Amino acid sequence: MKDAFAIVAALAVGLLLAQYDRNTDDTAIELGLLLIASIGLALLAPRRWWIIALCVGVPIPIVELAIGHATFPPAGSVALGVTFVGALVAFAIARASKTATA
């Protein structure tokens, strides 16, 4: 149940950030939001970290290609890389905290 919530929330966040990307040129804040969202949601569902990364990061390049403001590959593909890094960091944190001895 927690995994399903995290995936649905990741897709919602990805769509909201895609809308934010269309309305602003503030790349640093957007990348920070992508990183925070992917880390936070991947901590909720660490076994599904790669799905979280895809759901948060893929809407931005898709929207860029759909509205025709991007070349191939779209600049928004950097968003996908950032979300994969964030989700992988969250997976590593969850894995390390599970294997750490208290």
C-alpha atoms as a PDB file:
ATOM      1  CA  MET A   1       0.000   0.000   0.000  1.00  0.00           C
ATOM      2  CA  LYS A   2       2.844   2.372   0.861  1.00  0.00           C
ATOM      3  CA  ASP A   3       4.531   1.597  -2.477  1.00  0.00           C
ATOM      4  CA  ALA A   4       1.353   2.379  -4.422  1.00  0.00           C
ATOM      5  CA  PHE A   5       0.915   5.683  -2.582  1.00  0.00           C
ATOM      6  CA  ALA A   6       4.528   6.642  -3.280  1.00  0.00           C
ATOM      7  CA  ILE A   7       4.177   5.850  -6.993  1.00  0.00           C
ATOM      8  CA  VAL A   8       0.928   7.811  -7.369  1.00  0.00           C
ATOM      9  CA  ALA A   9       2.427  10.729  -5.438  1.00  0.00           C
ATOM     10  CA  ALA A  10       5.555  10.597  -7.622  1.00  0.00           C
ATOM     11  CA  LEU A  11       3.465  10.782 -10.781  1.00  0.00           C
ATOM     12  CA  ALA A  12       1.484  13.713  -9.374  1.00  0.00           C
ATOM     13  CA  VAL A  13       4.686  15.524  -8.381  1.00  0.00           C
ATOM     14  CA  GLY A  14       6.178  14.832 -11.817  1.00  0.00           C
ATOM     15  CA  LEU A  15       3.151  16.328 -13.554  1.00  0.00           C
ATOM     16  CA  LEU A  16       3.160  19.369 -11.257  1.00  0.00           C
ATOM     17  CA  LEU A  17       6.862  19.940 -11.884  1.00  0.00           C
ATOM     18  CA  ALA A  18       6.315  19.606 -15.632  1.00  0.00           C
ATOM     19  CA  GLN A  19       3.737  22.386 -15.372  1.00  0.00           C
ATOM     20  CA  TYR A  20       6.191  24.415 -13.276  1.00  0.00           C
ATOM     21  CA  ASP A  21       8.850  23.873 -15.936  1.00  0.00           C
ATOM     22  CA  ARG A  22       6.584  25.336 -18.614  1.00  0.00           C
ATOM     23  CA  ASN A  23       5.942  28.486 -16.577  1.00  0.00           C
ATOM     24  CA  THR A  24       9.402  29.368 -15.300  1.00  0.00           C
ATOM     25  CA  ASP A  25      13.038  29.584 -16.287  1.00  0.00           C
ATOM     26  CA  ASP A  26      14.348  29.016 -12.761  1.00  0.00           C
ATOM     27  CA  THR A  27      16.271  25.808 -13.380  1.00  0.00           C
ATOM     28  CA  ALA A  28      18.128  25.647 -10.063  1.00  0.00           C
ATOM     29  CA  ILE A  29      14.948  25.653  -7.982  1.00  0.00           C
ATOM     30  CA  GLU A  30      13.347  23.104 -10.275  1.00  0.00           C
ATOM     31  CA  LEU A  31      16.326  20.760 -10.012  1.00  0.00           C
ATOM     32  CA  GLY A  32      16.265  21.141  -6.230  1.00  0.00           C
ATOM     33  CA  LEU A  33      12.569  20.291  -6.150  1.00  0.00           C
ATOM     34  CA  LEU A  34      13.163  17.260  -8.368  1.00  0.00           C
ATOM     35  CA  LEU A  35      15.946  16.054  -6.106  1.00  0.00           C
ATOM     36  CA  ILE A  36      13.957  16.573  -2.894  1.00  0.00           C
ATOM     37  CA  ALA A  37      10.862  14.889  -4.345  1.00  0.00           C
ATOM     38  CA  SER A  38      12.751  11.870  -5.652  1.00  0.00           C
ATOM     39  CA  ILE A  39      14.657  11.383  -2.393  1.00  0.00           C
ATOM     40  CA  GLY A  40      11.584  11.793  -0.213  1.00  0.00           C
ATOM     41  CA  LEU A  41       9.335   9.530  -2.241  1.00  0.00           C
ATOM     42  CA  ALA A  42      12.006   6.881  -2.772  1.00  0.00           C
ATOM     43  CA  LEU A  43      12.510   6.758   0.992  1.00  0.00           C
ATOM     44  CA  LEU A  44       8.835   5.790   1.256  1.00  0.00           C
ATOM     45  CA  ALA A  45       9.267   2.947  -1.242  1.00  0.00           C
ATOM     46  CA  PRO A  46      12.980   2.105  -1.511  1.00  0.00           C
ATOM     47  CA  ARG A  47      12.423  -1.167  -3.379  1.00  0.00           C
ATOM     48  CA  ARG A  48      10.641   0.772  -6.136  1.00  0.00           C
ATOM     49  CA  TRP A  49      13.233   3.549  -6.402  1.00  0.00           C
ATOM     50  CA  TRP A  50      13.526   3.284 -10.181  1.00  0.00           C
ATOM     51  CA  ILE A  51       9.753   3.607 -10.704  1.00  0.00           C
ATOM     52  CA  ILE A  52       9.742   6.668  -8.455  1.00  0.00           C
ATOM     53  CA  ALA A  53      12.573   8.195 -10.499  1.00  0.00           C
ATOM     54  CA  LEU A  54      10.730   7.569 -13.762  1.00  0.00           C
ATOM     55  CA  CYS A  55       7.406   8.922 -12.483  1.00  0.00           C
ATOM     56  CA  VAL A  56       8.974  12.122 -11.177  1.00  0.00           C
ATOM     57  CA  GLY A  57      11.415  12.740 -14.030  1.00  0.00           C
ATOM     58  CA  VAL A  58       9.779  11.572 -17.270  1.00  0.00           C
ATOM     59  CA  PRO A  59       6.869  14.076 -17.504  1.00  0.00           C
ATOM     60  CA  ILE A  60       9.204  17.031 -18.057  1.00  0.00           C
ATOM     61  CA  PRO A  61      10.910  15.781 -21.261  1.00  0.00           C
ATOM     62  CA  ILE A  62       7.585  14.413 -22.535  1.00  0.00           C
ATOM     63  CA  VAL A  63       5.908  17.800 -22.108  1.00  0.00           C
ATOM     64  CA  GLU A  64       8.876  19.519 -23.753  1.00  0.00           C
ATOM     65  CA  LEU A  65       8.644  17.227 -26.764  1.00  0.00           C
ATOM     66  CA  ALA A  66       4.839  17.508 -26.910  1.00  0.00           C
ATOM     67  CA  ILE A  67       4.763  21.301 -27.010  1.00  0.00           C
ATOM     68  CA  GLY A  68       7.611  21.411 -29.498  1.00  0.00           C
ATOM     69  CA  HIS A  69       9.979  23.653 -27.547  1.00  0.00           C
ATOM     70  CA  ALA A  70      12.748  21.107 -27.364  1.00  0.00           C
ATOM     71  CA  THR A  71      15.292  19.582 -29.635  1.00  0.00           C
ATOM     72  CA  PHE A  72      16.122  15.919 -29.443  1.00  0.00           C
ATOM     73  CA  PRO A  73      17.230  14.954 -26.808  1.00  0.00           C
ATOM     74  CA  PRO A  74      15.253  17.488 -24.792  1.00  0.00           C
ATOM     75  CA  ALA A  75      17.020  19.527 -22.155  1.00  0.00           C
ATOM     76  CA  GLY A  76      14.489  18.161 -19.693  1.00  0.00           C
ATOM     77  CA  SER A  77      16.222  14.805 -19.901  1.00  0.00           C
ATOM     78  CA  VAL A  78      18.589  16.249 -17.292  1.00  0.00           C
ATOM     79  CA  ALA A  79      15.578  16.135 -14.964  1.00  0.00           C
ATOM     80  CA  LEU A  80      15.411  12.401 -15.443  1.00  0.00           C
ATOM     81  CA  GLY A  81      19.081  12.069 -14.523  1.00  0.00           C
ATOM     82  CA  VAL A  82      18.602  14.154 -11.376  1.00  0.00           C
ATOM     83  CA  THR A  83      15.635  12.083 -10.250  1.00  0.00           C
ATOM     84  CA  PHE A  84      17.564   8.852 -10.782  1.00  0.00           C
ATOM     85  CA  VAL A  85      20.438  10.178  -8.689  1.00  0.00           C
ATOM     86  CA  GLY A  86      18.063  11.279  -5.927  1.00  0.00           C
ATOM     87  CA  ALA A  87      16.126   8.010  -5.896  1.00  0.00           C
ATOM     88  CA  LEU A  88      19.329   5.985  -5.899  1.00  0.00           C
ATOM     89  CA  VAL A  89      20.675   8.010  -2.964  1.00  0.00           C
ATOM     90  CA  ALA A  90      17.436   7.311  -1.078  1.00  0.00           C
ATOM     91  CA  PHE A  91      17.735   3.612  -1.893  1.00  0.00           C
ATOM     92  CA  ALA A  92      21.307   3.597  -0.577  1.00  0.00           C
ATOM     93  CA  ILE A  93      20.229   5.376   2.621  1.00  0.00           C
ATOM     94  CA  ALA A  94      17.399   2.904   3.185  1.00  0.00           C
ATOM     95  CA  ARG A  95      19.676  -0.040   2.467  1.00  0.00           C
ATOM     96  CA  ALA A  96      22.411   1.243   4.775  1.00  0.00           C
ATOM     97  CA  SER A  97      19.983   1.929   7.598  1.00  0.00           C
ATOM     98  CA  LYS A  98      18.569  -1.584   7.273  1.00  0.00           C
ATOM     99  CA  THR A  99      21.967  -3.266   7.416  1.00  0.00           C
ATOM    100  CA  ALA A 100      23.497  -1.022  10.109  1.00  0.00           C
ATOM    101  CA  THR A 101      23.919  -2.540  13.520  1.00  0.00           C
ATOM    102  CA  ALA A 102      22.658  -0.535  16.435  1.00  0.00           C
END
